[in-house]
C-alpha atoms as a PDB file:
ATOM      1  CA  MET A   1       0.412   0.023  -0.200  1.00  0.00           C
ATOM      2  CA  ASN A   2       1.503   3.412  -0.707  1.00  0.00           C
ATOM      3  CA  LEU A   3       0.979   5.731   2.385  1.00  0.00           C
ATOM      4  CA  PRO A   4       1.310   9.525   2.141  1.00  0.00           C
ATOM      5  CA  THR A   5       4.047  11.500   2.677  1.00  0.00           C
ATOM      6  CA  LEU A   6       5.322  13.413   5.688  1.00  0.00           C
ATOM      7  CA  ARG A   7       5.826  16.520   3.957  1.00  0.00           C
ATOM      8  CA  GLN A   8       2.851  16.072   2.303  1.00  0.00           C
ATOM      9  CA  LEU A   9       0.910  16.674   5.290  1.00  0.00           C
ATOM     10  CA  GLN A  10       2.840  19.630   6.239  1.00  0.00           C
ATOM     11  CA  TYR A  11       2.207  20.543   2.854  1.00  0.00           C
ATOM     12  CA  LEU A  12      -2.115  19.953   3.159  1.00  0.00           C
ATOM     13  CA  ILE A  13      -2.214  21.614   7.102  1.00  0.00           C
ATOM     14  CA  ALA A  14       0.109  24.794   6.021  1.00  0.00           C
ATOM     15  CA  VAL A  15      -2.621  25.673   2.873  1.00  0.00           C
ATOM     16  CA  ILE A  16      -5.691  24.730   5.475  1.00  0.00           C
ATOM     17  CA  GLU A  17      -4.204  26.881   7.702  1.00  0.00           C
ATOM     18  CA  LEU A  18      -3.086  30.080   6.148  1.00  0.00           C
ATOM     19  CA  LYS A  19      -5.428  29.438   3.380  1.00  0.00           C
ATOM     20  CA  HIS A  20      -2.137  30.508   0.188  1.00  0.00           C
ATOM     21  CA  PHE A  21      -0.557  28.038  -1.551  1.00  0.00           C
ATOM     22  CA  GLY A  22       2.590  30.819  -1.404  1.00  0.00           C
ATOM     23  CA  HIS A  23       1.768  31.504   2.275  1.00  0.00           C
ATOM     24  CA  ALA A  24       1.941  28.147   3.249  1.00  0.00           C
ATOM     25  CA  ALA A  25       5.601  27.449   0.987  1.00  0.00           C
ATOM     26  CA  GLU A  26       7.325  30.056   2.960  1.00  0.00           C
ATOM     27  CA  ARG A  27       6.438  27.802   5.951  1.00  0.00           C
ATOM     28  CA  CYS A  28       7.368  24.615   4.579  1.00  0.00           C
ATOM     29  CA  PHE A  29      10.790  26.496   3.371  1.00  0.00           C
ATOM     30  CA  VAL A  30       9.625  25.121  -1.135  1.00  0.00           C
ATOM     31  CA  THR A  31       8.956  26.530  -3.830  1.00  0.00           C
ATOM     32  CA  GLN A  32       5.015  27.251  -4.427  1.00  0.00           C
ATOM     33  CA  SER A  33       5.543  24.690  -7.245  1.00  0.00           C
ATOM     34  CA  THR A  34       6.751  22.267  -5.216  1.00  0.00           C
ATOM     35  CA  LEU A  35       4.249  22.672  -3.085  1.00  0.00           C
ATOM     36  CA  SER A  36       1.144  22.227  -5.218  1.00  0.00           C
ATOM     37  CA  ALA A  37       2.674  18.472  -6.515  1.00  0.00           C
ATOM     38  CA  GLY A  38       2.860  17.294  -3.489  1.00  0.00           C
ATOM     39  CA  ILE A  39      -0.425  18.310  -2.288  1.00  0.00           C
ATOM     40  CA  GLN A  40      -1.674  16.890  -6.246  1.00  0.00           C
ATOM     41  CA  ASP A  41       0.633  13.788  -5.223  1.00  0.00           C
ATOM     42  CA  LEU A  42      -1.364  13.344  -2.218  1.00  0.00           C
ATOM     43  CA  GLU A  43      -5.161  13.442  -3.445  1.00  0.00           C
ATOM     44  CA  SER A  44      -4.022  11.304  -5.715  1.00  0.00           C
ATOM     45  CA  LEU A  45      -2.895   9.059  -4.060  1.00  0.00           C
ATOM     46  CA  LEU A  46      -5.996   8.725  -1.817  1.00  0.00           C
ATOM     47  CA  GLY A  47      -8.361   9.540  -4.849  1.00  0.00           C
ATOM     48  CA  ILE A  48     -10.156  12.489  -3.197  1.00  0.00           C
ATOM     49  CA  THR A  49     -10.441  16.453  -3.390  1.00  0.00           C
ATOM     50  CA  LEU A  50      -8.574  18.331  -0.563  1.00  0.00           C
ATOM     51  CA  LEU A  51      -8.698  21.798  -1.464  1.00  0.00           C
ATOM     52  CA  GLU A  52     -11.697  23.950  -3.676  1.00  0.00           C
ATOM     53  CA  ARG A  53      -9.982  26.014  -5.249  1.00  0.00           C
ATOM     54  CA  THR A  54      -9.977  29.256  -7.050  1.00  0.00           C
ATOM     55  CA  ASN A  55      -8.892  32.384  -9.005  1.00  0.00           C
ATOM     56  CA  ARG A  56      -8.622  33.501  -5.534  1.00  0.00           C
ATOM     57  CA  LYS A  57      -8.398  31.646  -2.104  1.00  0.00           C
ATOM     58  CA  VAL A  58      -7.994  28.242  -1.504  1.00  0.00           C
ATOM     59  CA  LEU A  59     -11.632  26.648   0.840  1.00  0.00           C
ATOM     60  CA  PRO A  60     -10.435  22.709   2.240  1.00  0.00           C
ATOM     61  CA  THR A  61     -13.226  19.815   1.106  1.00  0.00           C
ATOM     62  CA  ASP A  62     -14.654  18.283   4.600  1.00  0.00           C
ATOM     63  CA  ILE A  63     -13.265  15.734   4.128  1.00  0.00           C
ATOM     64  CA  GLY A  64      -9.535  17.956   3.706  1.00  0.00           C
ATOM     65  CA  ILE A  65     -10.283  19.594   6.972  1.00  0.00           C
ATOM     66  CA  GLU A  66     -11.122  15.675   8.883  1.00  0.00           C
ATOM     67  CA  ILE A  67      -7.614  14.301   7.277  1.00  0.00           C
ATOM     68  CA  ALA A  68      -5.818  17.849   7.907  1.00  0.00           C
ATOM     69  CA  GLU A  69      -6.344  17.093  11.851  1.00  0.00           C
ATOM     70  CA  LYS A  70      -5.314  13.253  11.578  1.00  0.00           C
ATOM     71  CA  ALA A  71      -2.279  14.617   9.821  1.00  0.00           C
ATOM     72  CA  GLN A  72      -1.228  16.724  12.786  1.00  0.00           C
ATOM     73  CA  ALA A  73      -1.999  14.196  15.173  1.00  0.00           C
ATOM     74  CA  ILE A  74       0.822  12.010  13.211  1.00  0.00           C
ATOM     75  CA  LEU A  75       2.908  14.852  12.472  1.00  0.00           C
ATOM     76  CA  SER A  76       2.741  15.305  16.436  1.00  0.00           C
ATOM     77  CA  LEU A  77       3.859  12.165  17.678  1.00  0.00           C
ATOM     78  CA  THR A  78       6.270  12.038  14.455  1.00  0.00           C
ATOM     79  CA  ALA A  79       7.954  14.634  15.796  1.00  0.00           C
ATOM     80  CA  ASP A  80       8.243  13.487  19.441  1.00  0.00           C
ATOM     81  CA  LEU A  81       9.006  10.162  18.340  1.00  0.00           C
ATOM     82  CA  VAL A  82      12.894  11.839  16.729  1.00  0.00           C
ATOM     83  CA  ASP A  83      12.221  13.880  19.901  1.00  0.00           C
ATOM     84  CA  LEU A  84      12.629  10.489  21.807  1.00  0.00           C
ATOM     85  CA  ALA A  85      15.298   8.709  19.985  1.00  0.00           C
ATOM     86  CA  GLN A  86      17.536  12.123  20.744  1.00  0.00           C
ATOM     87  CA  SER A  87      16.875  12.869  23.917  1.00  0.00           C
ATOM     88  CA  GLU A  88      18.511   9.765  24.832  1.00  0.00           C
ATOM     89  CA  LYS A  89      21.527   9.893  22.070  1.00  0.00           C
ATOM     90  CA  ASN A  90      22.689  13.296  23.459  1.00  0.00           C
ATOM     91  CA  PRO A  91      19.508  15.873  24.479  1.00  0.00           C
ATOM     92  CA  LEU A  92      22.091  19.106  24.036  1.00  0.00           C
ATOM     93  CA  SER A  93      22.716  18.509  20.321  1.00  0.00           C
ATOM     94  CA  GLY A  94      20.445  18.171  17.387  1.00  0.00           C
ATOM     95  CA  ARG A  95      18.360  20.060  16.035  1.00  0.00           C
ATOM     96  CA  ILE A  96      15.636  23.133  17.631  1.00  0.00           C
ATOM     97  CA  ARG A  97      13.651  24.736  15.906  1.00  0.00           C
ATOM     98  CA  ILE A  98      11.840  27.502  18.287  1.00  0.00           C
ATOM     99  CA  GLY A  99       9.060  29.746  17.247  1.00  0.00           C
ATOM    100  CA  LEU A 100       9.125  33.185  18.288  1.00  0.00           C
ATOM    101  CA  ILE A 101       6.672  36.562  17.908  1.00  0.00           C
ATOM    102  CA  PRO A 102       7.743  39.450  15.951  1.00  0.00           C
ATOM    103  CA  THR A 103       8.056  41.959  18.790  1.00  0.00           C
ATOM    104  CA  ILE A 104      10.205  39.482  21.339  1.00  0.00           C
ATOM    105  CA  SER A 105      12.665  37.738  18.950  1.00  0.00           C
ATOM    106  CA  PRO A 106      14.032  41.254  17.462  1.00  0.00           C
ATOM    107  CA  PHE A 107      14.883  42.043  21.332  1.00  0.00           C
ATOM    108  CA  LEU A 108      15.669  38.448  22.432  1.00  0.00           C
ATOM    109  CA  LEU A 109      18.170  36.789  19.763  1.00  0.00           C
ATOM    110  CA  PRO A 110      20.444  39.753  19.939  1.00  0.00           C
ATOM    111  CA  GLN A 111      20.976  39.421  24.104  1.00  0.00           C
ATOM    112  CA  VAL A 112      20.819  35.289  23.592  1.00  0.00           C
ATOM    113  CA  LEU A 113      21.775  33.740  21.049  1.00  0.00           C
ATOM    114  CA  PRO A 114      25.562  33.779  21.250  1.00  0.00           C
ATOM    115  CA  GLU A 115      25.230  32.453  24.857  1.00  0.00           C
ATOM    116  CA  VAL A 116      23.724  29.486  24.010  1.00  0.00           C
ATOM    117  CA  ARG A 117      25.938  28.421  20.465  1.00  0.00           C
ATOM    118  CA  LYS A 118      28.549  29.450  23.519  1.00  0.00           C
ATOM    119  CA  GLN A 119      27.135  27.006  26.135  1.00  0.00           C
ATOM    120  CA  LEU A 120      25.131  24.376  23.727  1.00  0.00           C
ATOM    121  CA  PRO A 121      27.849  24.331  20.778  1.00  0.00           C
ATOM    122  CA  LEU A 122      26.215  20.950  19.909  1.00  0.00           C
ATOM    123  CA  LEU A 123      22.425  22.528  19.398  1.00  0.00           C
ATOM    124  CA  GLU A 124      21.801  23.632  15.713  1.00  0.00           C
ATOM    125  CA  LEU A 125      18.983  25.803  16.460  1.00  0.00           C
ATOM    126  CA  VAL A 126      15.487  26.717  13.536  1.00  0.00           C
ATOM    127  CA  LEU A 127      14.411  29.708  14.167  1.00  0.00           C
ATOM    128  CA  VAL A 128      10.616  31.196  13.258  1.00  0.00           C
ATOM    129  CA  GLU A 129       8.749  34.111  12.846  1.00  0.00           C
ATOM    130  CA  ASP A 130       5.607  34.350  13.119  1.00  0.00           C
ATOM    131  CA  GLN A 131       2.096  35.645  15.413  1.00  0.00           C
ATOM    132  CA  SER A 132       0.904  33.423  18.816  1.00  0.00           C
ATOM    133  CA  GLU A 133      -1.667  31.556  17.693  1.00  0.00           C
ATOM    134  CA  ARG A 134       0.262  30.073  14.610  1.00  0.00           C
ATOM    135  CA  LEU A 135       2.323  29.414  16.131  1.00  0.00           C
ATOM    136  CA  LEU A 136       1.299  27.419  18.475  1.00  0.00           C
ATOM    137  CA  ASP A 137      -1.050  25.795  15.372  1.00  0.00           C
ATOM    138  CA  GLN A 138       2.909  24.745  14.208  1.00  0.00           C
ATOM    139  CA  LEU A 139       3.120  23.495  17.597  1.00  0.00           C
ATOM    140  CA  GLU A 140       0.365  21.445  17.655  1.00  0.00           C
ATOM    141  CA  ALA A 141       1.553  20.268  14.413  1.00  0.00           C
ATOM    142  CA  GLY A 142       4.846  18.809  15.318  1.00  0.00           C
ATOM    143  CA  THR A 143       6.700  21.414  12.964  1.00  0.00           C
ATOM    144  CA  ILE A 144       8.118  24.001  15.558  1.00  0.00           C
ATOM    145  CA  ASP A 145       9.482  22.054  19.333  1.00  0.00           C
ATOM    146  CA  ILE A 146       9.128  25.342  21.223  1.00  0.00           C
ATOM    147  CA  ALA A 147       7.357  28.191  21.030  1.00  0.00           C
ATOM    148  CA  VAL A 148       8.977  31.575  22.440  1.00  0.00           C
ATOM    149  CA  LEU A 149       5.686  33.992  23.642  1.00  0.00           C
ATOM    150  CA  ALA A 150       4.199  36.545  25.663  1.00  0.00           C
ATOM    151  CA  LEU A 151       2.072  36.178  28.549  1.00  0.00           C
ATOM    152  CA  PRO A 152      -0.967  35.778  29.388  1.00  0.00           C
ATOM    153  CA  PHE A 153      -2.236  34.068  26.060  1.00  0.00           C
ATOM    154  CA  ASN A 154      -4.137  30.926  26.002  1.00  0.00           C
ATOM    155  CA  LEU A 155      -1.998  28.204  25.523  1.00  0.00           C
ATOM    156  CA  ARG A 156      -4.484  26.032  24.484  1.00  0.00           C
ATOM    157  CA  GLY A 157      -3.048  23.771  27.759  1.00  0.00           C
ATOM    158  CA  PHE A 158       0.396  23.516  26.211  1.00  0.00           C
ATOM    159  CA  LYS A 159       3.446  23.246  28.537  1.00  0.00           C
ATOM    160  CA  HIS A 160       4.812  26.674  29.083  1.00  0.00           C
ATOM    161  CA  LYS A 161       8.286  27.845  31.585  1.00  0.00           C
ATOM    162  CA  ILE A 162       8.126  31.780  32.508  1.00  0.00           C
ATOM    163  CA  PHE A 163      12.245  33.183  32.418  1.00  0.00           C
ATOM    164  CA  LEU A 164      11.277  36.655  32.402  1.00  0.00           C
ATOM    165  CA  GLN A 165       7.954  39.176  33.808  1.00  0.00           C
ATOM    166  CA  GLU A 166       8.631  42.157  32.598  1.00  0.00           C
ATOM    167  CA  GLN A 167       7.410  46.244  32.524  1.00  0.00           C
ATOM    168  CA  PHE A 168       5.534  48.679  29.820  1.00  0.00           C
ATOM    169  CA  TYR A 169       7.681  52.184  29.194  1.00  0.00           C
ATOM    170  CA  VAL A 170       5.952  55.072  28.026  1.00  0.00           C
ATOM    171  CA  ALA A 171       7.961  56.668  24.872  1.00  0.00           C
ATOM    172  CA  LEU A 172       6.709  60.287  24.710  1.00  0.00           C
ATOM    173  CA  PRO A 173       8.597  63.009  22.280  1.00  0.00           C
ATOM    174  CA  LYS A 174      11.117  65.486  24.271  1.00  0.00           C
ATOM    175  CA  GLN A 175       8.816  68.535  24.632  1.00  0.00           C
ATOM    176  CA  HIS A 176       5.966  65.685  25.800  1.00  0.00           C
ATOM    177  CA  PRO A 177       3.819  67.862  28.236  1.00  0.00           C
ATOM    178  CA  LEU A 178       4.732  64.235  30.505  1.00  0.00           C
ATOM    179  CA  ASN A 179       8.167  64.328  29.600  1.00  0.00           C
ATOM    180  CA  ASN A 180       8.786  65.941  33.039  1.00  0.00           C
ATOM    181  CA  LYS A 181       7.110  62.993  34.892  1.00  0.00           C
ATOM    182  CA  THR A 182       9.632  59.898  36.671  1.00  0.00           C
ATOM    183  CA  THR A 183       6.880  57.696  35.859  1.00  0.00           C
ATOM    184  CA  ILE A 184       3.501  57.700  34.846  1.00  0.00           C
ATOM    185  CA  ASP A 185       0.514  56.127  35.419  1.00  0.00           C
ATOM    186  CA  ALA A 186      -1.936  54.858  33.041  1.00  0.00           C
ATOM    187  CA  GLU A 187      -4.471  56.951  35.161  1.00  0.00           C
ATOM    188  CA  GLN A 188      -2.571  59.184  33.338  1.00  0.00           C
ATOM    189  CA  LEU A 189      -1.839  58.543  30.288  1.00  0.00           C
ATOM    190  CA  PRO A 190      -3.575  60.855  27.131  1.00  0.00           C
ATOM    191  CA  LEU A 191      -5.823  57.651  25.063  1.00  0.00           C
ATOM    192  CA  ASP A 192      -5.900  60.179  22.508  1.00  0.00           C
ATOM    193  CA  GLU A 193      -2.368  60.370  21.663  1.00  0.00           C
ATOM    194  CA  LEU A 194      -1.885  55.872  21.849  1.00  0.00           C
ATOM    195  CA  MET A 195      -0.556  54.466  19.524  1.00  0.00           C
ATOM    196  CA  LEU A 196      -0.280  50.509  19.192  1.00  0.00           C
ATOM    197  CA  LEU A 197      -0.023  47.237  16.396  1.00  0.00           C
ATOM    198  CA  LYS A 198      -2.583  46.733  15.295  1.00  0.00           C
ATOM    199  CA  GLU A 199      -5.033  43.444  16.452  1.00  0.00           C
ATOM    200  CA  GLY A 200      -3.467  39.862  16.020  1.00  0.00           C
ATOM    201  CA  HIS A 201      -0.233  41.495  18.220  1.00  0.00           C
ATOM    202  CA  CYS A 202      -0.710  40.556  21.514  1.00  0.00           C
ATOM    203  CA  LEU A 203       2.301  43.448  22.631  1.00  0.00           C
ATOM    204  CA  ARG A 204      -1.164  44.940  21.667  1.00  0.00           C
ATOM    205  CA  GLU A 205      -3.576  43.350  23.982  1.00  0.00           C
ATOM    206  CA  HIS A 206      -0.899  43.259  26.623  1.00  0.00           C
ATOM    207  CA  ALA A 207      -0.565  46.957  26.629  1.00  0.00           C
ATOM    208  CA  LEU A 208      -4.506  48.018  26.304  1.00  0.00           C
ATOM    209  CA  ALA A 209      -4.393  45.422  29.839  1.00  0.00           C
ATOM    210  CA  ALA A 210      -0.981  47.086  31.282  1.00  0.00           C
ATOM    211  CA  CYS A 211      -3.523  50.812  30.687  1.00  0.00           C
ATOM    212  CA  ASN A 212      -6.945  48.897  31.896  1.00  0.00           C
ATOM    213  CA  LEU A 213      -9.416  49.174  28.539  1.00  0.00           C
ATOM    214  CA  PRO A 214     -10.196  46.281  27.373  1.00  0.00           C
ATOM    215  CA  ALA A 215      -8.812  44.166  23.711  1.00  0.00           C
ATOM    216  CA  ASN A 216     -11.418  45.051  21.770  1.00  0.00           C
ATOM    217  CA  SER A 217     -11.119  49.087  23.387  1.00  0.00           C
ATOM    218  CA  ARG A 218     -10.677  51.437  19.832  1.00  0.00           C
ATOM    219  CA  ARG A 219      -9.764  54.255  21.586  1.00  0.00           C
ATOM    220  CA  THR A 220      -6.140  54.255  20.609  1.00  0.00           C
ATOM    221  CA  SER A 221      -5.437  56.596  17.481  1.00  0.00           C
ATOM    222  CA  VAL A 222      -3.164  54.543  15.497  1.00  0.00           C
ATOM    223  CA  GLN A 223      -2.449  50.540  14.708  1.00  0.00           C
ATOM    224  CA  GLY A 224       0.947  50.048  13.963  1.00  0.00           C
ATOM    225  CA  THR A 225       2.297  47.278  12.137  1.00  0.00           C
ATOM    226  CA  SER A 226       5.660  47.269  14.175  1.00  0.00           C
ATOM    227  CA  LEU A 227       7.162  48.939  16.969  1.00  0.00           C
ATOM    228  CA  TYR A 228       9.678  50.406  15.332  1.00  0.00           C
ATOM    229  CA  THR A 229       7.197  51.777  12.857  1.00  0.00           C
ATOM    230  CA  LEU A 230       5.537  53.353  15.930  1.00  0.00           C
ATOM    231  CA  ILE A 231       8.867  54.874  17.502  1.00  0.00           C
ATOM    232  CA  GLU A 232       9.208  56.625  14.691  1.00  0.00           C
ATOM    233  CA  MET A 233       6.398  58.456  14.945  1.00  0.00           C
ATOM    234  CA  VAL A 234       6.435  58.966  18.583  1.00  0.00           C
ATOM    235  CA  ALA A 235      10.034  60.817  17.381  1.00  0.00           C
ATOM    236  CA  GLY A 236       8.431  62.758  14.259  1.00  0.00           C
ATOM    237  CA  GLY A 237       5.511  64.504  17.339  1.00  0.00           C
ATOM    238  CA  SER A 238       3.132  62.018  15.869  1.00  0.00           C
ATOM    239  CA  GLY A 239       2.009  60.866  19.364  1.00  0.00           C
ATOM    240  CA  ILE A 240       3.068  58.012  22.405  1.00  0.00           C
ATOM    241  CA  THR A 241       3.170  54.338  22.392  1.00  0.00           C
ATOM    242  CA  LEU A 242       4.091  50.908  25.303  1.00  0.00           C
ATOM    243  CA  VAL A 243       7.162  49.971  24.700  1.00  0.00           C
ATOM    244  CA  PRO A 244       8.561  46.480  26.391  1.00  0.00           C
ATOM    245  CA  GLU A 245      10.727  46.603  29.001  1.00  0.00           C
ATOM    246  CA  ILE A 246      13.377  43.715  26.567  1.00  0.00           C
ATOM    247  CA  ALA A 247      13.399  46.699  24.305  1.00  0.00           C
ATOM    248  CA  LEU A 248      15.034  48.533  26.271  1.00  0.00           C
ATOM    249  CA  LYS A 249      18.546  47.654  25.163  1.00  0.00           C
ATOM    250  CA  SER A 250      17.779  47.863  21.150  1.00  0.00           C
ATOM    251  CA  GLU A 251      18.194  51.080  19.014  1.00  0.00           C
ATOM    252  CA  ILE A 252      15.248  50.965  18.443  1.00  0.00           C
ATOM    253  CA  VAL A 253      14.156  53.609  21.318  1.00  0.00           C
ATOM    254  CA  SER A 254      17.908  54.894  21.191  1.00  0.00           C
ATOM    255  CA  HIS A 255      16.122  57.909  18.978  1.00  0.00           C
ATOM    256  CA  SER A 256      17.508  60.919  19.830  1.00  0.00           C
ATOM    257  CA  GLU A 257      13.592  62.347  19.420  1.00  0.00           C
ATOM    258  CA  ILE A 258      12.352  59.578  22.355  1.00  0.00           C
ATOM    259  CA  SER A 259      12.057  59.573  25.884  1.00  0.00           C
ATOM    260  CA  LEU A 260      10.623  56.492  27.587  1.00  0.00           C
ATOM    261  CA  LYS A 261       9.326  56.695  31.453  1.00  0.00           C
ATOM    262  CA  PRO A 262       8.381  53.068  33.588  1.00  0.00           C
ATOM    263  CA  LEU A 263       4.844  52.580  33.240  1.00  0.00           C
ATOM    264  CA  THR A 264       2.740  52.212  36.368  1.00  0.00           C
ATOM    265  CA  ASN A 265      -0.248  51.018  37.026  1.00  0.00           C
ATOM    266  CA  SER A 266      -2.869  49.958  39.914  1.00  0.00           C
ATOM    267  CA  THR A 267      -1.150  46.420  40.330  1.00  0.00           C
ATOM    268  CA  ASP A 268       2.075  45.898  41.196  1.00  0.00           C
ATOM    269  CA  LYS A 269       1.344  42.453  39.164  1.00  0.00           C
ATOM    270  CA  PRO A 270       4.092  42.383  35.535  1.00  0.00           C
ATOM    271  CA  MET A 271       3.006  43.501  32.788  1.00  0.00           C
ATOM    272  CA  ARG A 272       4.144  40.699  30.041  1.00  0.00           C
ATOM    273  CA  GLU A 273       5.567  37.740  31.040  1.00  0.00           C
ATOM    274  CA  LEU A 274       8.492  35.502  28.314  1.00  0.00           C
ATOM    275  CA  ALA A 275       8.120  32.513  28.661  1.00  0.00           C
ATOM    276  CA  LEU A 276       9.306  29.060  26.602  1.00  0.00           C
ATOM    277  CA  ILE A 277       5.814  26.888  25.255  1.00  0.00           C
ATOM    278  CA  TRP A 278       5.892  23.088  24.567  1.00  0.00           C
ATOM    279  CA  ARG A 279       3.841  20.019  23.796  1.00  0.00           C
ATOM    280  CA  SER A 280       3.552  17.653  27.305  1.00  0.00           C
ATOM    281  CA  SER A 281       4.717  15.305  24.912  1.00  0.00           C
ATOM    282  CA  TYR A 282       8.133  16.757  24.093  1.00  0.00           C
ATOM    283  CA  ARG A 283      11.254  14.552  26.108  1.00  0.00           C
ATOM    284  CA  ARG A 284      13.856  17.193  25.855  1.00  0.00           C
ATOM    285  CA  HIS A 285      14.026  18.256  29.842  1.00  0.00           C
ATOM    286  CA  GLU A 286      17.342  18.714  30.032  1.00  0.00           C
ATOM    287  CA  THR A 287      17.674  21.261  26.930  1.00  0.00           C
ATOM    288  CA  LEU A 288      14.137  23.386  28.228  1.00  0.00           C
ATOM    289  CA  GLU A 289      15.965  23.743  31.447  1.00  0.00           C
ATOM    290  CA  ARG A 290      19.173  24.599  29.738  1.00  0.00           C
ATOM    291  CA  LEU A 291      17.920  27.490  27.800  1.00  0.00           C
ATOM    292  CA  ASN A 292      15.786  28.570  29.993  1.00  0.00           C
ATOM    293  CA  THR A 293      18.151  29.042  32.321  1.00  0.00           C
ATOM    294  CA  ILE A 294      20.306  31.305  29.491  1.00  0.00           C
ATOM    295  CA  PHE A 295      17.175  33.009  28.456  1.00  0.00           C
ATOM    296  CA  HIS A 296      16.597  34.338  32.464  1.00  0.00           C
ATOM    297  CA  ASP A 297      20.458  34.297  33.174  1.00  0.00           C
ATOM    298  CA  CYS A 298      21.136  36.761  29.848  1.00  0.00           C
ATOM    299  CA  LEU A 299      18.367  39.257  30.095  1.00  0.00           C
ATOM    300  CA  LYS A 300      18.418  39.912  34.444  1.00  0.00           C
END
């Protein structure tokens, strides 16, 4: 009996999740033609149509959705099999696929990668950047081993370990009236000047929570696509924004036209926590512990 390959199952899952052949091909690190041919071969092998294709969009059939769910379970079990073998052979060597969100990776990686390479020279890191929900999808499918996310966030039952607790800072133009304060309370923020990332970024939700505003708040004036864009707009006098503490050492916030003031609110809780996320069946516990320790020590 001819059986589907793991790559074919990965292609199918990626297309159904992203609803786009090009984006799915990028995730799978193949050309679009290779991915399309792989799915066509899978359909021929199974003798059914898995995807409905039009000029504008691609939609899964009902049976395509069912098969993709089974495929996710197969890939997850296969990843666990490899994890088990690797942990037995040498837990601190081999390949680890880590997914990070865009509001963490540019600030975390420059600080931790040199130390990871120094302490774990036999470990090969494969890094993937995406938004939180899609990283959890990839974790479930077994296409990544670990995710680095910001909490609070719905982790769907995955295991996690926190390596950093942080606060927010207010970035404002140097001529702003609040610039004479040592700290700025959330109640003092002029919300009509507050610029945040667009919806879908967890940093936006965490920033709103730090200001005691609901996640669906529309009271902010601008929705940016990146923290860098927001900082440049602050420097130009367009408003203010909130910056996570991990970004303070980055060149992004070293702009001569802005000031950074600690944000305070009515609670003493951390405004954001960074954590490693993994499947409960993931076996490389020693590697997880070492990475968590390195991340914590580099950022404390």
